[in-house]
């Protein structure tokens, strides 16, 4: 669903801390592949800022969750289009 929405121009522009926390909690309940896919989608369609993704991925809990995929996530972040 996120892919379809972002493909058609939807943007994720979190402002409040709870928005990041809610997204993290949801990602922690899923397989790590979904976090990688989210980063890929957001990057591909420029659907949020790189800073927002970095904020989303900065906590120790989420970093531990994605530890095996961190090289791929960093690669996607490095390819993020300039804002």
Protein backbone atom coordinates (compact mmCIF):
# COMPACT_ATOMS: atom_id res chain seq x y z
CA UNK A 1 0.00 0.00 0.00
CA UNK A 2 2.83 2.40 0.86
CA UNK A 3 4.39 1.71 -2.51
CA UNK A 4 1.17 2.59 -4.33
CA UNK A 5 0.63 5.74 -2.28
CA UNK A 6 4.16 7.06 -2.70
CA UNK A 7 4.19 6.20 -6.38
CA UNK A 8 1.24 8.56 -6.73
CA UNK A 9 2.87 11.37 -4.80
CA UNK A 10 2.11 10.72 -1.13
CA UNK A 11 4.69 12.14 1.27
CA UNK A 12 5.63 11.11 4.79
CA UNK A 13 6.45 14.28 6.70
CA UNK A 14 6.61 13.40 10.39
CA UNK A 15 6.84 16.31 12.78
CA UNK A 16 6.13 14.97 16.24
CA UNK A 17 8.30 12.44 18.04
CA UNK A 18 5.38 10.03 18.45
CA UNK A 19 5.13 9.71 14.66
CA UNK A 20 8.63 8.23 14.53
CA UNK A 21 7.95 6.05 17.57
CA UNK A 22 4.74 4.67 16.05
CA UNK A 23 6.52 3.86 12.80
CA UNK A 24 9.39 2.17 14.68
CA UNK A 25 7.02 0.05 16.75
CA UNK A 26 5.24 -1.10 13.60
CA UNK A 27 8.53 -1.96 11.87
CA UNK A 28 9.79 -3.89 14.88
CA UNK A 29 6.75 -6.19 14.64
CA UNK A 30 7.63 -7.09 11.04
CA UNK A 31 10.45 -8.86 9.29
CA UNK A 32 13.50 -6.68 8.68
CA UNK A 33 12.91 -6.94 4.92
CA UNK A 34 9.97 -4.57 5.29
CA UNK A 35 12.21 -1.91 6.81
CA UNK A 36 14.61 -2.23 3.89
CA UNK A 37 11.68 -2.03 1.49
CA UNK A 38 10.37 1.10 3.23
CA UNK A 39 13.75 2.81 2.88
CA UNK A 40 13.89 1.77 -0.78
CA UNK A 41 10.37 3.08 -1.50
CA UNK A 42 10.93 6.37 0.28
CA UNK A 43 14.21 6.86 -1.57
CA UNK A 44 12.90 5.83 -4.98
CA UNK A 45 9.94 8.21 -4.89
CA UNK A 46 11.57 10.88 -2.73
CA UNK A 47 8.61 10.51 -0.37
CA UNK A 48 10.30 11.84 2.73
CA UNK A 49 13.52 13.52 3.68
CA UNK A 50 16.69 11.58 4.28
CA UNK A 51 16.75 13.19 7.73
CA UNK A 52 13.37 11.63 8.51
CA UNK A 53 14.63 8.16 7.59
CA UNK A 54 17.79 8.68 9.61
CA UNK A 55 15.67 9.76 12.57
CA UNK A 56 13.49 6.67 12.13
CA UNK A 57 16.52 4.37 12.07
CA UNK A 58 18.62 5.97 14.81
CA UNK A 59 17.47 4.15 17.96
CA UNK A 60 19.46 1.20 19.30
CA UNK A 61 16.40 -1.06 19.12
CA UNK A 62 15.73 -0.48 15.44
CA UNK A 63 19.47 -0.61 14.66
CA UNK A 64 19.64 -4.01 16.33
CA UNK A 65 16.55 -5.11 14.40
CA UNK A 66 18.11 -4.20 11.04
CA UNK A 67 21.72 -5.09 11.90
CA UNK A 68 22.03 -7.79 9.22
CA UNK A 69 20.63 -5.46 6.55
CA UNK A 70 22.41 -2.29 7.64
CA UNK A 71 24.85 -2.30 4.69
CA UNK A 72 21.92 -2.37 2.24
CA UNK A 73 20.04 0.33 4.17
CA UNK A 74 23.13 2.55 4.21
CA UNK A 75 23.56 1.99 0.47
CA UNK A 76 19.96 3.09 -0.11
CA UNK A 77 20.41 6.14 2.11
CA UNK A 78 23.56 7.11 0.19
CA UNK A 79 21.60 6.95 -3.07
CA UNK A 80 18.85 9.15 -1.64
CA UNK A 81 18.06 12.02 -3.99
CA UNK A 82 19.07 15.47 -2.76
CA UNK A 83 16.25 17.50 -1.23
